[in-house]
Amino acid sequence: MAKADARSAFQYGLAIFTLTALLGLANATQLFGALDRNTLLTHLHSGTLGWITMGVIGLAIWLFGAEGKTMAIRVSALSTAAYVLAFWSGNFYARGIFGVTELVVVFYWWWFAVARGMNEGFGRLDIPKLSVIFGLTTLAIGSTLGVTVQVILATGGAIPQSPDLVGAHASAQTGGYLVLVAAGFLEWLLTGGGKRTTAGLIQIALLFISGLLLSFSLLLAAQLGPNASQALPGIATLLGLVGTLIAAVRLGRAALGVSWMAGPQRHLAMAVGFLVLAKILEALLVQQFIAAQGDVNKVSIGLSAACSALISAIISASIARRPAVSTSSTSAKFFFAASTADCTIATGS
């Protein structure tokens, strides 16, 4: 059943989340001293590509009503865990091998969503389903860039400065994938979905184009020249901010109508505000990037982490909302733990 498969994906995600939280706390408190680069990369990927994506897989299964995905979920969890641990090992061969297997996992779930959309008819899909499909499309693009970097390192090559594969990979994941799936799941859980409006389609288009444009502007910054390479990130951020504001307006009435005694549902209401705040922080981050003139030392690492932390809190609120995971009481505790860990990540990075 879809419920059992979704629960399984959430549980595997929670196991990976434990590692994310522990590394985040260690990084913030410096209890074991400064963490090395391999550990920091493990921390990063156990979050964005680890528990968050396992949660997205579970929510996508629930949203599209799939069944019989138990083995696919187990393989996905195993591959994801192996890729995360490969970063911790510092072994480039392991990163390259498990990066490829993880890319297969990403494309499997991308095709799962696309195939479900084709069966229903893209012209009839509601906004939450379309948002998740376009979000997973951005994930596939960003993951391809990221795994390309790991394969280059595994084969003894050096990461090229132009094109900027690392910057393009990171911006696609945070500026496109996470925002699209977060907005889609919020709408589904707050309103029940089922609607397809012009404003919703514009919202998806703006968020999708924003993520691609931001990634493209970083990927080909050297080829675009100084003027275009500085202007395009600003344009991309503006489009994303407008798309996010449209989402906030569309979901505002439903969010304001949630009672503060409504258990996990109130977390979703708060998450609408988190979505807007994350985009505002991203706009400030891009402004810093433009002003830095290529000097990354002038860009706030904490601000970058805070953007991802807010989106992480939204995904955790969506997972905690589903009764398939736990009762209202334990769901609230999970949201609190995830939010606390995300804040630790933001301040400790």
C-alpha atoms as a PDB file:
ATOM      1  CA  MET A   1       0.000   0.000   0.000  1.00  0.00           C
ATOM      2  CA  ALA A   2       1.038   3.611  -0.609  1.00  0.00           C
ATOM      3  CA  LYS A   3       0.749   4.322   3.114  1.00  0.00           C
ATOM      4  CA  ALA A   4       3.168   1.539   4.067  1.00  0.00           C
ATOM      5  CA  ASP A   5       5.664   2.494   1.345  1.00  0.00           C
ATOM      6  CA  ALA A   6       5.576   6.141   2.375  1.00  0.00           C
ATOM      7  CA  ARG A   7       6.106   5.170   6.021  1.00  0.00           C
ATOM      8  CA  SER A   8       9.108   3.060   5.009  1.00  0.00           C
ATOM      9  CA  ALA A   9      10.709   5.957   3.100  1.00  0.00           C
ATOM     10  CA  PHE A  10      10.163   8.283   6.073  1.00  0.00           C
ATOM     11  CA  GLN A  11      11.747   5.820   8.478  1.00  0.00           C
ATOM     12  CA  TYR A  12      14.847   5.365   6.340  1.00  0.00           C
ATOM     13  CA  GLY A  13      15.029   9.143   6.022  1.00  0.00           C
ATOM     14  CA  LEU A  14      14.852   9.555   9.799  1.00  0.00           C
ATOM     15  CA  ALA A  15      17.810   7.195  10.198  1.00  0.00           C
ATOM     16  CA  ILE A  16      19.884   9.382   7.892  1.00  0.00           C
ATOM     17  CA  PHE A  17      18.536  12.491   9.642  1.00  0.00           C
ATOM     18  CA  THR A  18      20.114  11.249  12.886  1.00  0.00           C
ATOM     19  CA  LEU A  19      23.548  11.497  11.266  1.00  0.00           C
ATOM     20  CA  THR A  20      22.733  14.956   9.874  1.00  0.00           C
ATOM     21  CA  ALA A  21      21.673  16.252  13.275  1.00  0.00           C
ATOM     22  CA  LEU A  22      24.674  14.799  15.117  1.00  0.00           C
ATOM     23  CA  LEU A  23      27.146  16.237  12.621  1.00  0.00           C
ATOM     24  CA  GLY A  24      25.353  19.588  12.737  1.00  0.00           C
ATOM     25  CA  LEU A  25      25.571  19.711  16.510  1.00  0.00           C
ATOM     26  CA  ALA A  26      29.248  18.709  16.422  1.00  0.00           C
ATOM     27  CA  ASN A  27      29.922  21.431  13.873  1.00  0.00           C
ATOM     28  CA  ALA A  28      28.113  24.097  15.894  1.00  0.00           C
ATOM     29  CA  THR A  29      29.550  23.228  19.300  1.00  0.00           C
ATOM     30  CA  GLN A  30      33.038  22.332  18.011  1.00  0.00           C
ATOM     31  CA  LEU A  31      32.951  19.586  20.659  1.00  0.00           C
ATOM     32  CA  PHE A  32      35.457  17.536  18.663  1.00  0.00           C
ATOM     33  CA  GLY A  33      37.239  20.524  17.191  1.00  0.00           C
ATOM     34  CA  ALA A  34      36.792  21.864  13.684  1.00  0.00           C
ATOM     35  CA  LEU A  35      35.282  19.306  11.337  1.00  0.00           C
ATOM     36  CA  ASP A  36      37.287  18.423   8.244  1.00  0.00           C
ATOM     37  CA  ARG A  37      36.007  18.976   4.714  1.00  0.00           C
ATOM     38  CA  ASN A  38      34.934  15.356   4.244  1.00  0.00           C
ATOM     39  CA  THR A  39      32.767  15.496   7.363  1.00  0.00           C
ATOM     40  CA  LEU A  40      31.227  18.810   6.315  1.00  0.00           C
ATOM     41  CA  LEU A  41      30.395  17.369   2.890  1.00  0.00           C
ATOM     42  CA  THR A  42      28.840  14.372   4.626  1.00  0.00           C
ATOM     43  CA  HIS A  43      26.764  16.725   6.741  1.00  0.00           C
ATOM     44  CA  LEU A  44      25.615  18.631   3.659  1.00  0.00           C
ATOM     45  CA  HIS A  45      24.717  15.614   1.530  1.00  0.00           C
ATOM     46  CA  SER A  46      23.102  13.649   4.352  1.00  0.00           C
ATOM     47  CA  GLY A  47      20.671  16.559   4.531  1.00  0.00           C
ATOM     48  CA  THR A  48      19.842  17.739   1.013  1.00  0.00           C
ATOM     49  CA  LEU A  49      20.358  14.380  -0.707  1.00  0.00           C
ATOM     50  CA  GLY A  50      19.799  12.192   2.356  1.00  0.00           C
ATOM     51  CA  TRP A  51      16.846  12.490   4.702  1.00  0.00           C
ATOM     52  CA  ILE A  52      15.198  15.340   2.762  1.00  0.00           C
ATOM     53  CA  THR A  53      15.126  13.416  -0.505  1.00  0.00           C
ATOM     54  CA  MET A  54      13.986  10.207   1.216  1.00  0.00           C
ATOM     55  CA  GLY A  55      11.170  12.302   2.688  1.00  0.00           C
ATOM     56  CA  VAL A  56      10.381  13.711  -0.744  1.00  0.00           C
ATOM     57  CA  ILE A  57      10.238  10.158  -2.130  1.00  0.00           C
ATOM     58  CA  GLY A  58       7.787   9.127   0.593  1.00  0.00           C
ATOM     59  CA  LEU A  59       5.594  12.173   0.068  1.00  0.00           C
ATOM     60  CA  ALA A  60       5.673  11.667  -3.715  1.00  0.00           C
ATOM     61  CA  ILE A  61       4.521   8.058  -3.285  1.00  0.00           C
ATOM     62  CA  TRP A  62       1.669   9.271  -1.090  1.00  0.00           C
ATOM     63  CA  LEU A  63       0.810  12.159  -3.437  1.00  0.00           C
ATOM     64  CA  PHE A  64       0.704  10.047  -6.606  1.00  0.00           C
ATOM     65  CA  GLY A  65      -0.827   7.022  -4.881  1.00  0.00           C
ATOM     66  CA  ALA A  66       1.773   4.423  -5.850  1.00  0.00           C
ATOM     67  CA  GLU A  67       1.928   0.884  -4.474  1.00  0.00           C
ATOM     68  CA  GLY A  68       4.458  -1.932  -4.519  1.00  0.00           C
ATOM     69  CA  LYS A  69       7.514   0.308  -4.128  1.00  0.00           C
ATOM     70  CA  THR A  70       8.996  -1.420  -1.074  1.00  0.00           C
ATOM     71  CA  MET A  71      12.059  -2.815  -2.861  1.00  0.00           C
ATOM     72  CA  ALA A  72      12.676   0.438  -4.751  1.00  0.00           C
ATOM     73  CA  ILE A  73      12.601   2.344  -1.459  1.00  0.00           C
ATOM     74  CA  ARG A  74      15.057  -0.063   0.173  1.00  0.00           C
ATOM     75  CA  VAL A  75      17.473   0.192  -2.749  1.00  0.00           C
ATOM     76  CA  SER A  76      17.125   3.978  -2.730  1.00  0.00           C
ATOM     77  CA  ALA A  77      17.838   4.167   0.996  1.00  0.00           C
ATOM     78  CA  LEU A  78      20.848   1.845   0.679  1.00  0.00           C
ATOM     79  CA  SER A  79      22.275   3.804  -2.245  1.00  0.00           C
ATOM     80  CA  THR A  80      21.709   7.124  -0.500  1.00  0.00           C
ATOM     81  CA  ALA A  81      23.351   5.936   2.714  1.00  0.00           C
ATOM     82  CA  ALA A  82      26.318   4.542   0.765  1.00  0.00           C
ATOM     83  CA  TYR A  83      26.794   7.825  -1.119  1.00  0.00           C
ATOM     84  CA  VAL A  84      26.628   9.847   2.092  1.00  0.00           C
ATOM     85  CA  LEU A  85      29.192   7.597   3.789  1.00  0.00           C
ATOM     86  CA  ALA A  86      31.397   7.767   0.688  1.00  0.00           C
ATOM     87  CA  PHE A  87      31.790  11.497   1.319  1.00  0.00           C
ATOM     88  CA  TRP A  88      32.817  10.759   4.900  1.00  0.00           C
ATOM     89  CA  SER A  89      35.420   8.241   3.728  1.00  0.00           C
ATOM     90  CA  GLY A  90      37.126  10.791   1.513  1.00  0.00           C
ATOM     91  CA  ASN A  91      37.612   8.059  -1.090  1.00  0.00           C
ATOM     92  CA  PHE A  92      37.076   9.511  -4.565  1.00  0.00           C
ATOM     93  CA  TYR A  93      36.498   6.071  -6.109  1.00  0.00           C
ATOM     94  CA  ALA A  94      33.673   5.360  -3.651  1.00  0.00           C
ATOM     95  CA  ARG A  95      32.165   8.780  -4.314  1.00  0.00           C
ATOM     96  CA  GLY A  96      32.262   8.191  -8.057  1.00  0.00           C
ATOM     97  CA  ILE A  97      30.767   4.689  -7.900  1.00  0.00           C
ATOM     98  CA  PHE A  98      28.009   5.420  -5.416  1.00  0.00           C
ATOM     99  CA  GLY A  99      27.406   8.796  -7.042  1.00  0.00           C
ATOM    100  CA  VAL A 100      26.447   6.980 -10.234  1.00  0.00           C
ATOM    101  CA  THR A 101      24.153   4.582  -8.353  1.00  0.00           C
ATOM    102  CA  GLU A 102      22.535   7.522  -6.587  1.00  0.00           C
ATOM    103  CA  LEU A 103      22.018   9.275  -9.906  1.00  0.00           C
ATOM    104  CA  VAL A 104      20.161   6.178 -11.118  1.00  0.00           C
ATOM    105  CA  VAL A 105      17.978   6.425  -7.996  1.00  0.00           C
ATOM    106  CA  VAL A 106      17.234  10.094  -8.680  1.00  0.00           C
ATOM    107  CA  PHE A 107      16.265   9.429 -12.281  1.00  0.00           C
ATOM    108  CA  TYR A 108      14.135   6.440 -11.231  1.00  0.00           C
ATOM    109  CA  TRP A 109      11.983   8.603  -8.966  1.00  0.00           C
ATOM    110  CA  TRP A 110      11.951  11.430 -11.507  1.00  0.00           C
ATOM    111  CA  TRP A 111      10.589   9.018 -14.096  1.00  0.00           C
ATOM    112  CA  PHE A 112       8.157   7.602 -11.536  1.00  0.00           C
ATOM    113  CA  ALA A 113       6.607  11.070 -11.104  1.00  0.00           C
ATOM    114  CA  VAL A 114       6.702  11.883 -14.819  1.00  0.00           C
ATOM    115  CA  ALA A 115       5.110   8.538 -15.753  1.00  0.00           C
ATOM    116  CA  ARG A 116       2.338   9.071 -13.191  1.00  0.00           C
ATOM    117  CA  GLY A 117       1.804  12.520 -14.634  1.00  0.00           C
ATOM    118  CA  MET A 118       1.593  11.134 -18.171  1.00  0.00           C
ATOM    119  CA  ASN A 119      -0.957   8.540 -17.057  1.00  0.00           C
ATOM    120  CA  GLU A 120      -3.161  11.204 -15.521  1.00  0.00           C
ATOM    121  CA  GLY A 121      -2.503  13.681 -18.336  1.00  0.00           C
ATOM    122  CA  PHE A 122      -0.299  16.708 -17.766  1.00  0.00           C
ATOM    123  CA  GLY A 123      -3.142  18.945 -18.815  1.00  0.00           C
ATOM    124  CA  ARG A 124      -5.210  17.705 -15.861  1.00  0.00           C
ATOM    125  CA  LEU A 125      -2.564  17.538 -13.125  1.00  0.00           C
ATOM    126  CA  ASP A 126      -3.118  19.808 -10.138  1.00  0.00           C
ATOM    127  CA  ILE A 127      -0.526  22.310  -8.912  1.00  0.00           C
ATOM    128  CA  PRO A 128       1.054  20.138  -6.162  1.00  0.00           C
ATOM    129  CA  LYS A 129       1.769  17.266  -8.561  1.00  0.00           C
ATOM    130  CA  LEU A 130       3.143  19.566 -11.244  1.00  0.00           C
ATOM    131  CA  SER A 131       5.317  21.335  -8.698  1.00  0.00           C
ATOM    132  CA  VAL A 132       6.804  18.035  -7.503  1.00  0.00           C
ATOM    133  CA  ILE A 133       7.460  16.862 -11.074  1.00  0.00           C
ATOM    134  CA  PHE A 134       9.294  20.078 -11.969  1.00  0.00           C
ATOM    135  CA  GLY A 135      11.129  19.967  -8.645  1.00  0.00           C
ATOM    136  CA  LEU A 136      12.364  16.435  -9.314  1.00  0.00           C
ATOM    137  CA  THR A 137      13.368  17.534 -12.824  1.00  0.00           C
ATOM    138  CA  THR A 138      15.614  20.200 -11.291  1.00  0.00           C
ATOM    139  CA  LEU A 139      16.951  17.597  -8.848  1.00  0.00           C
ATOM    140  CA  ALA A 140      17.894  15.348 -11.777  1.00  0.00           C
ATOM    141  CA  ILE A 141      19.725  18.201 -13.502  1.00  0.00           C
ATOM    142  CA  GLY A 142      21.531  19.321 -10.351  1.00  0.00           C
ATOM    143  CA  SER A 143      22.434  15.759  -9.375  1.00  0.00           C
ATOM    144  CA  THR A 144      23.879  15.088 -12.838  1.00  0.00           C
ATOM    145  CA  LEU A 145      26.193  18.062 -12.412  1.00  0.00           C
ATOM    146  CA  GLY A 146      27.184  16.958  -8.905  1.00  0.00           C
ATOM    147  CA  VAL A 147      27.902  13.350  -9.858  1.00  0.00           C
ATOM    148  CA  THR A 148      29.899  14.562 -12.871  1.00  0.00           C
ATOM    149  CA  VAL A 149      32.209  16.313 -10.405  1.00  0.00           C
ATOM    150  CA  GLN A 150      32.652  13.099  -8.392  1.00  0.00           C
ATOM    151  CA  VAL A 151      33.364  11.035 -11.520  1.00  0.00           C
ATOM    152  CA  ILE A 152      35.986  13.575 -12.623  1.00  0.00           C
ATOM    153  CA  LEU A 153      37.702  13.310  -9.233  1.00  0.00           C
ATOM    154  CA  ALA A 154      37.458   9.507  -9.236  1.00  0.00           C
ATOM    155  CA  THR A 155      39.194   9.332 -12.627  1.00  0.00           C
ATOM    156  CA  GLY A 156      42.055  11.522 -11.429  1.00  0.00           C
ATOM    157  CA  GLY A 157      40.920  14.760 -13.000  1.00  0.00           C
ATOM    158  CA  ALA A 158      40.692  18.222 -11.476  1.00  0.00           C
ATOM    159  CA  ILE A 159      37.430  20.086 -10.962  1.00  0.00           C
ATOM    160  CA  PRO A 160      37.228  22.712 -13.712  1.00  0.00           C
ATOM    161  CA  GLN A 161      36.779  26.330 -12.715  1.00  0.00           C
ATOM    162  CA  SER A 162      34.973  26.949 -15.985  1.00  0.00           C
ATOM    163  CA  PRO A 163      32.344  25.695 -16.332  1.00  0.00           C
ATOM    164  CA  ASP A 164      31.562  25.980 -12.624  1.00  0.00           C
ATOM    165  CA  LEU A 165      30.008  22.552 -12.061  1.00  0.00           C
ATOM    166  CA  VAL A 166      30.005  22.815  -8.267  1.00  0.00           C
ATOM    167  CA  GLY A 167      28.240  26.190  -8.140  1.00  0.00           C
ATOM    168  CA  ALA A 168      25.694  25.132 -10.754  1.00  0.00           C
ATOM    169  CA  HIS A 169      25.034  21.872  -8.894  1.00  0.00           C
ATOM    170  CA  ALA A 170      24.454  23.595  -5.541  1.00  0.00           C
ATOM    171  CA  SER A 171      22.246  26.358  -6.928  1.00  0.00           C
ATOM    172  CA  ALA A 172      20.024  23.900  -8.824  1.00  0.00           C
ATOM    173  CA  GLN A 173      19.444  21.864  -5.661  1.00  0.00           C
ATOM    174  CA  THR A 174      18.743  24.752  -3.277  1.00  0.00           C
ATOM    175  CA  GLY A 175      17.357  27.416  -5.617  1.00  0.00           C
ATOM    176  CA  GLY A 176      15.172  25.096  -7.681  1.00  0.00           C
ATOM    177  CA  TYR A 177      14.528  21.571  -6.417  1.00  0.00           C
ATOM    178  CA  LEU A 178      13.933  22.235  -2.716  1.00  0.00           C
ATOM    179  CA  VAL A 179      11.714  25.287  -3.249  1.00  0.00           C
ATOM    180  CA  LEU A 180       9.518  23.607  -5.860  1.00  0.00           C
ATOM    181  CA  VAL A 181       8.888  20.429  -3.883  1.00  0.00           C
ATOM    182  CA  ALA A 182       8.383  22.403  -0.661  1.00  0.00           C
ATOM    183  CA  ALA A 183       5.758  24.633  -2.272  1.00  0.00           C
ATOM    184  CA  GLY A 184       4.017  21.635  -3.837  1.00  0.00           C
ATOM    185  CA  PHE A 185       3.810  19.606  -0.651  1.00  0.00           C
ATOM    186  CA  LEU A 186       2.688  22.612   1.398  1.00  0.00           C
ATOM    187  CA  GLU A 187      -0.207  23.242  -0.970  1.00  0.00           C
ATOM    188  CA  TRP A 188      -1.213  19.591  -1.012  1.00  0.00           C
ATOM    189  CA  LEU A 189      -1.173  19.238   2.778  1.00  0.00           C
ATOM    190  CA  LEU A 190      -2.805  22.592   3.543  1.00  0.00           C
ATOM    191  CA  THR A 191      -5.516  22.601   0.879  1.00  0.00           C
ATOM    192  CA  GLY A 192      -5.810  18.976  -0.227  1.00  0.00           C
ATOM    193  CA  GLY A 193      -4.740  19.853  -3.766  1.00  0.00           C
ATOM    194  CA  GLY A 194      -6.972  19.061  -6.710  1.00  0.00           C
ATOM    195  CA  LYS A 195      -6.885  22.576  -8.182  1.00  0.00           C
ATOM    196  CA  ARG A 196      -5.130  23.861 -11.272  1.00  0.00           C
ATOM    197  CA  THR A 197      -5.138  27.639 -11.511  1.00  0.00           C
ATOM    198  CA  THR A 198      -3.392  30.165 -13.726  1.00  0.00           C
ATOM    199  CA  ALA A 199      -1.663  31.714 -10.718  1.00  0.00           C
ATOM    200  CA  GLY A 200      -0.412  28.283  -9.660  1.00  0.00           C
ATOM    201  CA  LEU A 201       0.987  27.566 -13.137  1.00  0.00           C
ATOM    202  CA  ILE A 202       2.754  30.945 -13.164  1.00  0.00           C
ATOM    203  CA  GLN A 203       4.169  30.142  -9.722  1.00  0.00           C
ATOM    204  CA  ILE A 204       5.642  26.849 -10.937  1.00  0.00           C
ATOM    205  CA  ALA A 205       7.035  28.426 -14.110  1.00  0.00           C
ATOM    206  CA  LEU A 206       8.753  31.213 -12.195  1.00  0.00           C
ATOM    207  CA  LEU A 207      10.278  28.883  -9.598  1.00  0.00           C
ATOM    208  CA  PHE A 208      11.445  26.390 -12.223  1.00  0.00           C
ATOM    209  CA  ILE A 209      12.952  29.029 -14.521  1.00  0.00           C
ATOM    210  CA  SER A 210      14.527  30.747 -11.520  1.00  0.00           C
ATOM    211  CA  GLY A 211      16.367  27.580 -10.466  1.00  0.00           C
ATOM    212  CA  LEU A 212      17.569  26.787 -13.982  1.00  0.00           C
ATOM    213  CA  LEU A 213      18.640  30.365 -14.688  1.00  0.00           C
ATOM    214  CA  LEU A 214      20.560  30.595 -11.417  1.00  0.00           C
ATOM    215  CA  SER A 215      22.328  27.306 -12.148  1.00  0.00           C
ATOM    216  CA  PHE A 216      23.048  28.274 -15.758  1.00  0.00           C
ATOM    217  CA  SER A 217      24.440  31.688 -14.766  1.00  0.00           C
ATOM    218  CA  LEU A 218      26.946  30.044 -12.411  1.00  0.00           C
ATOM    219  CA  LEU A 219      27.785  27.173 -14.758  1.00  0.00           C
ATOM    220  CA  LEU A 220      28.791  29.467 -17.622  1.00  0.00           C
ATOM    221  CA  ALA A 221      29.829  32.579 -15.704  1.00  0.00           C
ATOM    222  CA  ALA A 222      33.193  32.845 -17.490  1.00  0.00           C
ATOM    223  CA  GLN A 223      31.615  32.482 -20.932  1.00  0.00           C
ATOM    224  CA  LEU A 224      28.836  34.962 -20.210  1.00  0.00           C
ATOM    225  CA  GLY A 225      31.160  37.786 -19.291  1.00  0.00           C
ATOM    226  CA  PRO A 226      31.199  39.975 -16.152  1.00  0.00           C
ATOM    227  CA  ASN A 227      28.000  41.904 -16.849  1.00  0.00           C
ATOM    228  CA  ALA A 228      25.742  38.972 -17.699  1.00  0.00           C
ATOM    229  CA  SER A 229      27.259  36.711 -15.017  1.00  0.00           C
ATOM    230  CA  GLN A 230      26.311  39.282 -12.379  1.00  0.00           C
ATOM    231  CA  ALA A 231      22.937  40.272 -13.834  1.00  0.00           C
ATOM    232  CA  LEU A 232      21.498  36.790 -14.404  1.00  0.00           C
ATOM    233  CA  PRO A 233      21.685  35.600 -10.762  1.00  0.00           C
ATOM    234  CA  GLY A 234      19.818  38.747  -9.741  1.00  0.00           C
ATOM    235  CA  ILE A 235      17.134  38.162 -12.367  1.00  0.00           C
ATOM    236  CA  ALA A 236      16.828  34.522 -11.339  1.00  0.00           C
ATOM    237  CA  THR A 237      16.430  35.482  -7.692  1.00  0.00           C
ATOM    238  CA  LEU A 238      13.790  38.092  -8.537  1.00  0.00           C
ATOM    239  CA  LEU A 239      11.773  35.521 -10.512  1.00  0.00           C
ATOM    240  CA  GLY A 240      12.039  33.057  -7.638  1.00  0.00           C
ATOM    241  CA  LEU A 241      10.971  35.672  -5.115  1.00  0.00           C
ATOM    242  CA  VAL A 242       7.905  36.597  -7.174  1.00  0.00           C
ATOM    243  CA  GLY A 243       7.015  32.910  -7.566  1.00  0.00           C
ATOM    244  CA  THR A 244       7.342  32.397  -3.827  1.00  0.00           C
ATOM    245  CA  LEU A 245       5.184  35.420  -3.040  1.00  0.00           C
ATOM    246  CA  ILE A 246       2.505  34.061  -5.384  1.00  0.00           C
ATOM    247  CA  ALA A 247       2.632  30.782  -3.466  1.00  0.00           C
ATOM    248  CA  ALA A 248       2.342  32.626  -0.146  1.00  0.00           C
ATOM    249  CA  VAL A 249      -0.676  34.617  -1.345  1.00  0.00           C
ATOM    250  CA  ARG A 250      -2.363  31.509  -2.758  1.00  0.00           C
ATOM    251  CA  LEU A 251      -1.802  29.551   0.464  1.00  0.00           C
ATOM    252  CA  GLY A 252      -2.213  32.456   2.856  1.00  0.00           C
ATOM    253  CA  ARG A 253      -5.918  32.006   3.530  1.00  0.00           C
ATOM    254  CA  ALA A 254      -5.531  28.290   4.235  1.00  0.00           C
ATOM    255  CA  ALA A 255      -2.538  28.939   6.498  1.00  0.00           C
ATOM    256  CA  LEU A 256      -4.270  31.713   8.451  1.00  0.00           C
ATOM    257  CA  GLY A 257      -7.307  29.482   8.914  1.00  0.00           C
ATOM    258  CA  VAL A 258      -5.301  26.826  10.778  1.00  0.00           C
ATOM    259  CA  SER A 259      -5.905  26.730  14.524  1.00  0.00           C
ATOM    260  CA  TRP A 260      -2.868  26.904  16.795  1.00  0.00           C
ATOM    261  CA  MET A 261      -4.332  23.873  18.563  1.00  0.00           C
ATOM    262  CA  ALA A 262      -4.327  21.871  15.324  1.00  0.00           C
ATOM    263  CA  GLY A 263      -1.200  19.870  16.127  1.00  0.00           C
ATOM    264  CA  PRO A 264       1.211  19.255  13.208  1.00  0.00           C
ATOM    265  CA  GLN A 265      -1.057  21.259  10.870  1.00  0.00           C
ATOM    266  CA  ARG A 266       0.098  24.493  12.522  1.00  0.00           C
ATOM    267  CA  HIS A 267       3.668  23.668  11.519  1.00  0.00           C
ATOM    268  CA  LEU A 268       2.566  23.703   7.897  1.00  0.00           C
ATOM    269  CA  ALA A 269       0.946  27.100   8.408  1.00  0.00           C
ATOM    270  CA  MET A 270       4.209  28.466   9.815  1.00  0.00           C
ATOM    271  CA  ALA A 271       6.138  26.870   6.959  1.00  0.00           C
ATOM    272  CA  VAL A 272       4.448  29.190   4.455  1.00  0.00           C
ATOM    273  CA  GLY A 273       6.237  32.060   6.169  1.00  0.00           C
ATOM    274  CA  PHE A 274       9.470  30.044   6.202  1.00  0.00           C
ATOM    275  CA  LEU A 275       9.217  29.657   2.427  1.00  0.00           C
ATOM    276  CA  VAL A 276       9.064  33.417   1.912  1.00  0.00           C
ATOM    277  CA  LEU A 277      11.835  34.068   4.431  1.00  0.00           C
ATOM    278  CA  ALA A 278      14.080  31.510   2.712  1.00  0.00           C
ATOM    279  CA  LYS A 279      13.692  33.312  -0.615  1.00  0.00           C
ATOM    280  CA  ILE A 280      14.394  36.697   0.993  1.00  0.00           C
ATOM    281  CA  LEU A 281      17.588  35.314   2.521  1.00  0.00           C
ATOM    282  CA  GLU A 282      18.495  33.821  -0.856  1.00  0.00           C
ATOM    283  CA  ALA A 283      18.045  37.262  -2.443  1.00  0.00           C
ATOM    284  CA  LEU A 284      20.421  38.747   0.131  1.00  0.00           C
ATOM    285  CA  LEU A 285      22.873  35.929  -0.542  1.00  0.00           C
ATOM    286  CA  VAL A 286      22.825  36.535  -4.301  1.00  0.00           C
ATOM    287  CA  GLN A 287      23.307  40.260  -3.671  1.00  0.00           C
ATOM    288  CA  GLN A 288      26.398  39.414  -1.613  1.00  0.00           C
ATOM    289  CA  PHE A 289      27.634  37.141  -4.383  1.00  0.00           C
ATOM    290  CA  ILE A 290      27.275  39.887  -6.976  1.00  0.00           C
ATOM    291  CA  ALA A 291      28.994  42.445  -4.743  1.00  0.00           C
ATOM    292  CA  ALA A 292      31.839  40.012  -3.983  1.00  0.00           C
ATOM    293  CA  GLN A 293      33.023  40.139  -7.606  1.00  0.00           C
ATOM    294  CA  GLY A 294      34.039  36.481  -7.507  1.00  0.00           C
ATOM    295  CA  ASP A 295      35.631  36.552  -4.047  1.00  0.00           C
ATOM    296  CA  VAL A 296      33.721  33.773  -2.253  1.00  0.00           C
ATOM    297  CA  ASN A 297      35.314  34.720   1.061  1.00  0.00           C
ATOM    298  CA  LYS A 298      33.059  37.788   1.072  1.00  0.00           C
ATOM    299  CA  VAL A 299      29.928  35.637   0.858  1.00  0.00           C
ATOM    300  CA  SER A 300      28.293  34.622   4.136  1.00  0.00           C
ATOM    301  CA  ILE A 301      28.414  30.839   4.625  1.00  0.00           C
ATOM    302  CA  GLY A 302      25.953  31.119   7.507  1.00  0.00           C
ATOM    303  CA  LEU A 303      23.423  32.929   5.303  1.00  0.00           C
ATOM    304  CA  SER A 304      23.683  30.187   2.698  1.00  0.00           C
ATOM    305  CA  ALA A 305      23.122  27.517   5.338  1.00  0.00           C
ATOM    306  CA  ALA A 306      20.176  29.428   6.785  1.00  0.00           C
ATOM    307  CA  CYS A 307      18.403  29.358   3.405  1.00  0.00           C
ATOM    308  CA  SER A 308      18.729  25.584   3.202  1.00  0.00           C
ATOM    309  CA  ALA A 309      17.762  25.212   6.868  1.00  0.00           C
ATOM    310  CA  LEU A 310      14.437  26.975   6.346  1.00  0.00           C
ATOM    311  CA  ILE A 311      13.574  24.741   3.392  1.00  0.00           C
ATOM    312  CA  SER A 312      14.606  21.723   5.468  1.00  0.00           C
ATOM    313  CA  ALA A 313      12.167  22.804   8.174  1.00  0.00           C
ATOM    314  CA  ILE A 314       9.374  22.957   5.577  1.00  0.00           C
ATOM    315  CA  ILE A 315      10.084  19.420   4.355  1.00  0.00           C
ATOM    316  CA  SER A 316      10.257  18.154   7.936  1.00  0.00           C
ATOM    317  CA  ALA A 317       6.887  19.796   8.654  1.00  0.00           C
ATOM    318  CA  SER A 318       5.425  17.973   5.646  1.00  0.00           C
ATOM    319  CA  ILE A 319       6.815  14.628   6.822  1.00  0.00           C
ATOM    320  CA  ALA A 320       5.644  15.217  10.393  1.00  0.00           C
ATOM    321  CA  ARG A 321       2.137  16.012   9.140  1.00  0.00           C
ATOM    322  CA  ARG A 322       1.567  12.526   7.734  1.00  0.00           C
ATOM    323  CA  PRO A 323      -0.111  10.188  10.270  1.00  0.00           C
ATOM    324  CA  ALA A 324       1.676   7.280   8.596  1.00  0.00           C
ATOM    325  CA  VAL A 325       4.820   8.165  10.531  1.00  0.00           C
ATOM    326  CA  SER A 326       3.567   8.702  14.036  1.00  0.00           C
ATOM    327  CA  THR A 327       1.008  10.257  16.292  1.00  0.00           C
ATOM    328  CA  SER A 328       0.485  14.009  16.496  1.00  0.00           C
ATOM    329  CA  SER A 329       2.618  14.150  19.613  1.00  0.00           C
ATOM    330  CA  THR A 330       5.661  12.436  18.146  1.00  0.00           C
ATOM    331  CA  SER A 331       5.219  14.271  14.833  1.00  0.00           C
ATOM    332  CA  ALA A 332       5.480  17.555  16.696  1.00  0.00           C
ATOM    333  CA  LYS A 333       8.604  16.306  18.451  1.00  0.00           C
ATOM    334  CA  PHE A 334      10.162  15.368  15.118  1.00  0.00           C
ATOM    335  CA  PHE A 335       9.428  18.793  13.665  1.00  0.00           C
ATOM    336  CA  PHE A 336      10.984  20.433  16.716  1.00  0.00           C
ATOM    337  CA  ALA A 337      14.069  18.225  16.458  1.00  0.00           C
ATOM    338  CA  ALA A 338      14.462  18.857  12.735  1.00  0.00           C
ATOM    339  CA  SER A 339      13.995  22.591  13.112  1.00  0.00           C
ATOM    340  CA  THR A 340      16.502  22.711  15.977  1.00  0.00           C
ATOM    341  CA  ALA A 341      19.043  20.753  13.982  1.00  0.00           C
ATOM    342  CA  ASP A 342      18.520  22.976  10.950  1.00  0.00           C
ATOM    343  CA  CYS A 343      19.073  26.082  13.038  1.00  0.00           C
ATOM    344  CA  THR A 344      22.230  24.490  14.422  1.00  0.00           C
ATOM    345  CA  ILE A 345      23.374  23.826  10.876  1.00  0.00           C
ATOM    346  CA  ALA A 346      22.719  27.443   9.924  1.00  0.00           C
ATOM    347  CA  THR A 347      24.583  28.970  12.838  1.00  0.00           C
ATOM    348  CA  GLY A 348      27.341  26.428  13.006  1.00  0.00           C
ATOM    349  CA  SER A 349      28.402  26.182   9.372  1.00  0.00           C
END
